[in-house]
Amino acid sequence: MTNREQEILILPKNNPMISQCELADALHITRSSVGVHITNLMKKATF
């Protein structure tokens, strides 16, 4: 798991209602990048 993927997982832990746009703003990346990271996390979580 990359550092960025870990950040994507940690932020919602403190704020479960955070949107992808808010995640993107907090991490200073685009919304589409957040989507890519979430997709990658889902692939890694699937056995």
PDB file of N, CA and C in Angstrom:
ATOM      1  N   MET A   1       0.846  -1.170   0.000  1.00  0.00           N
ATOM      2  CA  MET A   1       0.000   0.000   0.000  1.00  0.00           C
ATOM      3  C   MET A   1       0.898   1.242   0.000  1.00  0.00           C
ATOM      4  N   THR A   2       0.587   2.164  -0.885  1.00  0.00           N
ATOM      5  CA  THR A   2       1.396   3.377  -0.982  1.00  0.00           C
ATOM      6  C   THR A   2       1.063   4.340   0.160  1.00  0.00           C
ATOM      7  N   ASN A   3       1.941   5.310   0.358  1.00  0.00           N
ATOM      8  CA  ASN A   3       1.701   6.337   1.381  1.00  0.00           C
ATOM      9  C   ASN A   3       0.414   7.095   1.092  1.00  0.00           C
ATOM     10  N   ARG A   4       0.177   7.414  -0.170  1.00  0.00           N
ATOM     11  CA  ARG A   4      -1.019   8.171  -0.539  1.00  0.00           C
ATOM     12  C   ARG A   4      -2.279   7.343  -0.274  1.00  0.00           C
ATOM     13  N   GLU A   5      -2.224   6.058  -0.568  1.00  0.00           N
ATOM     14  CA  GLU A   5      -3.369   5.196  -0.297  1.00  0.00           C
ATOM     15  C   GLU A   5      -3.648   5.146   1.207  1.00  0.00           C
ATOM     16  N   GLN A   6      -2.608   5.133   2.004  1.00  0.00           N
ATOM     17  CA  GLN A   6      -2.788   5.161   3.454  1.00  0.00           C
ATOM     18  C   GLN A   6      -3.460   6.456   3.893  1.00  0.00           C
ATOM     19  N   GLU A   7      -3.056   7.573   3.287  1.00  0.00           N
ATOM     20  CA  GLU A   7      -3.683   8.864   3.607  1.00  0.00           C
ATOM     21  C   GLU A   7      -5.157   8.853   3.227  1.00  0.00           C
ATOM     22  N   ILE A   8      -5.473   8.240   2.085  1.00  0.00           N
ATOM     23  CA  ILE A   8      -6.861   8.153   1.622  1.00  0.00           C
ATOM     24  C   ILE A   8      -7.698   7.358   2.637  1.00  0.00           C
ATOM     25  N   LEU A   9      -7.104   6.367   3.277  1.00  0.00           N
ATOM     26  CA  LEU A   9      -7.815   5.560   4.272  1.00  0.00           C
ATOM     27  C   LEU A   9      -7.922   6.257   5.628  1.00  0.00           C
ATOM     28  N   ILE A  10      -6.899   7.010   6.007  1.00  0.00           N
ATOM     29  CA  ILE A  10      -6.860   7.615   7.340  1.00  0.00           C
ATOM     30  C   ILE A  10      -7.803   8.807   7.475  1.00  0.00           C
ATOM     31  N   LEU A  11      -7.873   9.665   6.494  1.00  0.00           N
ATOM     32  CA  LEU A  11      -8.702  10.871   6.612  1.00  0.00           C
ATOM     33  C   LEU A  11     -10.176  10.571   6.902  1.00  0.00           C
ATOM     34  N   PRO A  12     -10.802   9.631   6.211  1.00  0.00           N
ATOM     35  CA  PRO A  12     -12.215   9.350   6.520  1.00  0.00           C
ATOM     36  C   PRO A  12     -12.423   8.749   7.913  1.00  0.00           C
ATOM     37  N   LYS A  13     -11.375   8.191   8.486  1.00  0.00           N
ATOM     38  CA  LYS A  13     -11.472   7.630   9.831  1.00  0.00           C
ATOM     39  C   LYS A  13     -11.828   8.727  10.834  1.00  0.00           C
ATOM     40  N   ASN A  14     -11.276   9.915  10.636  1.00  0.00           N
ATOM     41  CA  ASN A  14     -11.551  11.058  11.509  1.00  0.00           C
ATOM     42  C   ASN A  14     -12.832  11.779  11.133  1.00  0.00           C
ATOM     43  N   ASN A  15     -13.251  11.647   9.876  1.00  0.00           N
ATOM     44  CA  ASN A  15     -14.448  12.321   9.376  1.00  0.00           C
ATOM     45  C   ASN A  15     -15.148  11.380   8.395  1.00  0.00           C
ATOM     46  N   PRO A  16     -15.991  10.467   8.893  1.00  0.00           N
ATOM     47  CA  PRO A  16     -16.605   9.446   8.035  1.00  0.00           C
ATOM     48  C   PRO A  16     -17.467   9.996   6.903  1.00  0.00           C
ATOM     49  N   MET A  17     -17.912  11.218   7.000  1.00  0.00           N
ATOM     50  CA  MET A  17     -18.785  11.792   5.972  1.00  0.00           C
ATOM     51  C   MET A  17     -18.014  12.621   4.933  1.00  0.00           C
ATOM     52  N   ILE A  18     -16.693  12.530   4.922  1.00  0.00           N
ATOM     53  CA  ILE A  18     -15.880  13.315   3.993  1.00  0.00           C
ATOM     54  C   ILE A  18     -16.123  12.847   2.555  1.00  0.00           C
ATOM     55  N   SER A  19     -16.238  13.786   1.659  1.00  0.00           N
ATOM     56  CA  SER A  19     -16.473  13.462   0.248  1.00  0.00           C
ATOM     57  C   SER A  19     -15.142  13.309  -0.492  1.00  0.00           C
ATOM     58  N   GLN A  20     -15.219  12.788  -1.696  1.00  0.00           N
ATOM     59  CA  GLN A  20     -14.008  12.674  -2.513  1.00  0.00           C
ATOM     60  C   GLN A  20     -13.440  14.048  -2.812  1.00  0.00           C
ATOM     61  N   CYS A  21     -14.288  15.028  -3.027  1.00  0.00           N
ATOM     62  CA  CYS A  21     -13.806  16.397  -3.275  1.00  0.00           C
ATOM     63  C   CYS A  21     -13.059  16.944  -2.061  1.00  0.00           C
ATOM     64  N   GLU A  22     -13.602  16.688  -0.878  1.00  0.00           N
ATOM     65  CA  GLU A  22     -12.947  17.158   0.342  1.00  0.00           C
ATOM     66  C   GLU A  22     -11.628  16.419   0.579  1.00  0.00           C
ATOM     67  N   LEU A  23     -11.602  15.123   0.275  1.00  0.00           N
ATOM     68  CA  LEU A  23     -10.350  14.374   0.361  1.00  0.00           C
ATOM     69  C   LEU A  23      -9.308  14.974  -0.576  1.00  0.00           C
ATOM     70  N   ALA A  24      -9.736  15.250  -1.797  1.00  0.00           N
ATOM     71  CA  ALA A  24      -8.826  15.822  -2.790  1.00  0.00           C
ATOM     72  C   ALA A  24      -8.271  17.160  -2.308  1.00  0.00           C
ATOM     73  N   ASP A  25      -9.134  18.010  -1.777  1.00  0.00           N
ATOM     74  CA  ASP A  25      -8.689  19.314  -1.271  1.00  0.00           C
ATOM     75  C   ASP A  25      -7.704  19.147  -0.112  1.00  0.00           C
ATOM     76  N   ALA A  26      -8.010  18.231   0.804  1.00  0.00           N
ATOM     77  CA  ALA A  26      -7.160  18.028   1.975  1.00  0.00           C
ATOM     78  C   ALA A  26      -5.782  17.503   1.592  1.00  0.00           C
ATOM     79  N   LEU A  27      -5.724  16.703   0.530  1.00  0.00           N
ATOM     80  CA  LEU A  27      -4.461  16.095   0.109  1.00  0.00           C
ATOM     81  C   LEU A  27      -3.782  16.859  -1.031  1.00  0.00           C
ATOM     82  N   HIS A  28      -4.440  17.915  -1.492  1.00  0.00           N
ATOM     83  CA  HIS A  28      -3.916  18.749  -2.577  1.00  0.00           C
ATOM     84  C   HIS A  28      -3.689  17.941  -3.860  1.00  0.00           C
ATOM     85  N   ILE A  29      -4.681  17.103  -4.181  1.00  0.00           N
ATOM     86  CA  ILE A  29      -4.669  16.326  -5.420  1.00  0.00           C
ATOM     87  C   ILE A  29      -6.032  16.481  -6.083  1.00  0.00           C
ATOM     88  N   THR A  30      -6.157  15.981  -7.303  1.00  0.00           N
ATOM     89  CA  THR A  30      -7.429  16.098  -8.005  1.00  0.00           C
ATOM     90  C   THR A  30      -8.409  15.028  -7.531  1.00  0.00           C
ATOM     91  N   ARG A  31      -9.695  15.281  -7.777  1.00  0.00           N
ATOM     92  CA  ARG A  31     -10.732  14.321  -7.412  1.00  0.00           C
ATOM     93  C   ARG A  31     -10.540  13.010  -8.172  1.00  0.00           C
ATOM     94  N   SER A  32     -10.120  13.114  -9.420  1.00  0.00           N
ATOM     95  CA  SER A  32      -9.907  11.891 -10.197  1.00  0.00           C
ATOM     96  C   SER A  32      -8.761  11.065  -9.620  1.00  0.00           C
ATOM     97  N   SER A  33      -7.748  11.714  -9.061  1.00  0.00           N
ATOM     98  CA  SER A  33      -6.653  10.984  -8.404  1.00  0.00           C
ATOM     99  C   SER A  33      -7.170  10.242  -7.180  1.00  0.00           C
ATOM    100  N   VAL A  34      -8.065  10.877  -6.428  1.00  0.00           N
ATOM    101  CA  VAL A  34      -8.671  10.205  -5.278  1.00  0.00           C
ATOM    102  C   VAL A  34      -9.393   8.949  -5.759  1.00  0.00           C
ATOM    103  N   GLY A  35     -10.137   9.066  -6.846  1.00  0.00           N
ATOM    104  CA  GLY A  35     -10.853   7.920  -7.401  1.00  0.00           C
ATOM    105  C   GLY A  35      -9.917   6.792  -7.804  1.00  0.00           C
ATOM    106  N   VAL A  36      -8.799   7.144  -8.401  1.00  0.00           N
ATOM    107  CA  VAL A  36      -7.809   6.130  -8.803  1.00  0.00           C
ATOM    108  C   VAL A  36      -7.258   5.422  -7.574  1.00  0.00           C
ATOM    109  N   HIS A  37      -6.938   6.181  -6.534  1.00  0.00           N
ATOM    110  CA  HIS A  37      -6.404   5.579  -5.317  1.00  0.00           C
ATOM    111  C   HIS A  37      -7.439   4.658  -4.663  1.00  0.00           C
ATOM    112  N   ILE A  38      -8.695   5.081  -4.650  1.00  0.00           N
ATOM    113  CA  ILE A  38      -9.755   4.246  -4.077  1.00  0.00           C
ATOM    114  C   ILE A  38      -9.923   2.969  -4.889  1.00  0.00           C
ATOM    115  N   THR A  39      -9.890   3.083  -6.216  1.00  0.00           N
ATOM    116  CA  THR A  39      -9.977   1.898  -7.075  1.00  0.00           C
ATOM    117  C   THR A  39      -8.834   0.938  -6.798  1.00  0.00           C
ATOM    118  N   ASN A  40      -7.629   1.471  -6.681  1.00  0.00           N
ATOM    119  CA  ASN A  40      -6.461   0.633  -6.386  1.00  0.00           C
ATOM    120  C   ASN A  40      -6.596  -0.051  -5.027  1.00  0.00           C
ATOM    121  N   LEU A  41      -7.109   0.678  -4.045  1.00  0.00           N
ATOM    122  CA  LEU A  41      -7.322   0.084  -2.726  1.00  0.00           C
ATOM    123  C   LEU A  41      -8.341  -1.045  -2.786  1.00  0.00           C
ATOM    124  N   MET A  42      -9.396  -0.841  -3.552  1.00  0.00           N
ATOM    125  CA  MET A  42     -10.421  -1.880  -3.681  1.00  0.00           C
ATOM    126  C   MET A  42      -9.857  -3.129  -4.352  1.00  0.00           C
ATOM    127  N   LYS A  43      -9.019  -2.934  -5.354  1.00  0.00           N
ATOM    128  CA  LYS A  43      -8.385  -4.079  -6.023  1.00  0.00           C
ATOM    129  C   LYS A  43      -7.493  -4.847  -5.053  1.00  0.00           C
ATOM    130  N   LYS A  44      -6.769  -4.105  -4.224  1.00  0.00           N
ATOM    131  CA  LYS A  44      -5.867  -4.746  -3.266  1.00  0.00           C
ATOM    132  C   LYS A  44      -6.642  -5.453  -2.157  1.00  0.00           C
ATOM    133  N   ALA A  45      -7.841  -4.963  -1.850  1.00  0.00           N
ATOM    134  CA  ALA A  45      -8.647  -5.558  -0.789  1.00  0.00           C
ATOM    135  C   ALA A  45      -9.401  -6.790  -1.267  1.00  0.00           C
ATOM    136  N   THR A  46      -9.521  -6.981  -2.569  1.00  0.00           N
ATOM    137  CA  THR A  46     -10.239  -8.112  -3.137  1.00  0.00           C
ATOM    138  C   THR A  46      -9.298  -9.316  -3.220  1.00  0.00           C
ATOM    139  N   PHE A  47      -9.751 -10.427  -2.737  1.00  0.00           N
ATOM    140  CA  PHE A  47      -8.909 -11.627  -2.733  1.00  0.00           C
ATOM    141  C   PHE A  47      -9.233 -12.487  -3.929  1.00  0.00           C
TER     142      PHE A  47
END
